[in-house]
Amino acid sequence: MKVTKLVGSCDLKDCPTIYATDRGTLLVQGERPADHGLDTPAHETIVEIPEQLIFDLIRKGLRGV
């Protein structure tokens, strides 16, 4: 899978980031909250990212790499 960084909140590797893949999907890197109270399947997870990251992605354009 080819992964391309679209937008992130810093230049380090441990910050919330959104990536595009060559499969036509997005990967989201963020904190894994423990207090969300949602029931998720074992093969899925929930991550938390700042709202601003989504706004930055929209402003930049999804394919504006």
C-alpha atoms as a PDB file:
ATOM      1  CA  MET A   1       0.000   0.000   0.000  1.00  0.00           C
ATOM      2  CA  LYS A   2       1.329   3.431  -0.928  1.00  0.00           C
ATOM      3  CA  VAL A   3       0.636   6.063   1.739  1.00  0.00           C
ATOM      4  CA  THR A   4       0.855   9.840   1.226  1.00  0.00           C
ATOM      5  CA  LYS A   5       0.625  12.386   4.036  1.00  0.00           C
ATOM      6  CA  LEU A   6      -2.174  14.863   3.347  1.00  0.00           C
ATOM      7  CA  VAL A   7      -2.191  16.988   6.479  1.00  0.00           C
ATOM      8  CA  GLY A   8      -0.800  16.801  10.000  1.00  0.00           C
ATOM      9  CA  SER A   9      -0.643  18.924  13.102  1.00  0.00           C
ATOM     10  CA  CYS A  10       3.160  18.838  13.363  1.00  0.00           C
ATOM     11  CA  ASP A  11       6.255  17.470  11.647  1.00  0.00           C
ATOM     12  CA  LEU A  12       6.872  14.710  14.193  1.00  0.00           C
ATOM     13  CA  LYS A  13       5.632  11.139  13.723  1.00  0.00           C
ATOM     14  CA  ASP A  14       3.493  11.068  16.885  1.00  0.00           C
ATOM     15  CA  CYS A  15       0.966  13.773  15.968  1.00  0.00           C
ATOM     16  CA  PRO A  16      -2.553  13.539  14.533  1.00  0.00           C
ATOM     17  CA  THR A  17      -2.239  13.077  10.773  1.00  0.00           C
ATOM     18  CA  ILE A  18      -4.432  12.152   7.809  1.00  0.00           C
ATOM     19  CA  TYR A  19      -2.966  10.072   4.971  1.00  0.00           C
ATOM     20  CA  ALA A  20      -4.290   9.003   1.550  1.00  0.00           C
ATOM     21  CA  THR A  21      -3.637   5.522   0.186  1.00  0.00           C
ATOM     22  CA  ASP A  22      -3.391   4.210  -3.353  1.00  0.00           C
ATOM     23  CA  ARG A  23      -6.521   2.160  -2.538  1.00  0.00           C
ATOM     24  CA  GLY A  24      -8.717   5.256  -2.510  1.00  0.00           C
ATOM     25  CA  THR A  25      -8.956   5.251   1.291  1.00  0.00           C
ATOM     26  CA  LEU A  26      -7.777   7.476   4.140  1.00  0.00           C
ATOM     27  CA  LEU A  27      -5.704   6.525   7.171  1.00  0.00           C
ATOM     28  CA  VAL A  28      -6.151   8.595  10.328  1.00  0.00           C
ATOM     29  CA  GLN A  29      -3.506   8.737  13.042  1.00  0.00           C
ATOM     30  CA  GLY A  30      -4.580  10.027  16.427  1.00  0.00           C
ATOM     31  CA  GLU A  31      -5.018   9.280  20.098  1.00  0.00           C
ATOM     32  CA  ARG A  32      -6.993   6.171  21.064  1.00  0.00           C
ATOM     33  CA  PRO A  33      -9.472   7.423  23.677  1.00  0.00           C
ATOM     34  CA  ALA A  34     -10.586   4.984  26.359  1.00  0.00           C
ATOM     35  CA  ASP A  35     -13.612   6.916  27.602  1.00  0.00           C
ATOM     36  CA  HIS A  36     -15.812   7.055  24.473  1.00  0.00           C
ATOM     37  CA  GLY A  37     -18.325   4.429  25.621  1.00  0.00           C
ATOM     38  CA  LEU A  38     -18.851   3.095  22.089  1.00  0.00           C
ATOM     39  CA  ASP A  39     -19.098  -0.589  21.236  1.00  0.00           C
ATOM     40  CA  THR A  40     -16.645  -1.265  18.398  1.00  0.00           C
ATOM     41  CA  PRO A  41     -15.800  -4.580  16.725  1.00  0.00           C
ATOM     42  CA  ALA A  42     -12.459  -6.168  17.626  1.00  0.00           C
ATOM     43  CA  HIS A  43     -11.049  -5.463  14.137  1.00  0.00           C
ATOM     44  CA  GLU A  44     -11.767  -1.705  14.359  1.00  0.00           C
ATOM     45  CA  THR A  45     -10.590   1.130  16.575  1.00  0.00           C
ATOM     46  CA  ILE A  46     -11.572   4.719  17.240  1.00  0.00           C
ATOM     47  CA  VAL A  47      -9.080   7.565  17.108  1.00  0.00           C
ATOM     48  CA  GLU A  48      -9.469  11.154  18.190  1.00  0.00           C
ATOM     49  CA  ILE A  49      -8.063  14.040  16.152  1.00  0.00           C
ATOM     50  CA  PRO A  50      -8.441  17.813  16.449  1.00  0.00           C
ATOM     51  CA  GLU A  51     -11.293  19.382  14.423  1.00  0.00           C
ATOM     52  CA  GLN A  52      -8.760  21.790  12.960  1.00  0.00           C
ATOM     53  CA  LEU A  53      -7.068  18.902  11.134  1.00  0.00           C
ATOM     54  CA  ILE A  54     -10.258  18.283   9.115  1.00  0.00           C
ATOM     55  CA  PHE A  55     -10.623  22.006   8.375  1.00  0.00           C
ATOM     56  CA  ASP A  56      -7.003  22.123   7.200  1.00  0.00           C
ATOM     57  CA  LEU A  57      -7.602  19.126   4.928  1.00  0.00           C
ATOM     58  CA  ILE A  58     -10.701  20.734   3.387  1.00  0.00           C
ATOM     59  CA  ARG A  59      -8.887  24.038   2.865  1.00  0.00           C
ATOM     60  CA  LYS A  60      -5.897  22.270   1.311  1.00  0.00           C
ATOM     61  CA  GLY A  61      -8.046  19.977  -0.835  1.00  0.00           C
ATOM     62  CA  LEU A  62      -8.146  16.211  -0.509  1.00  0.00           C
ATOM     63  CA  ARG A  63      -5.784  15.626  -3.422  1.00  0.00           C
ATOM     64  CA  GLY A  64      -3.747  18.800  -2.982  1.00  0.00           C
ATOM     65  CA  VAL A  65      -0.630  16.918  -1.956  1.00  0.00           C
END
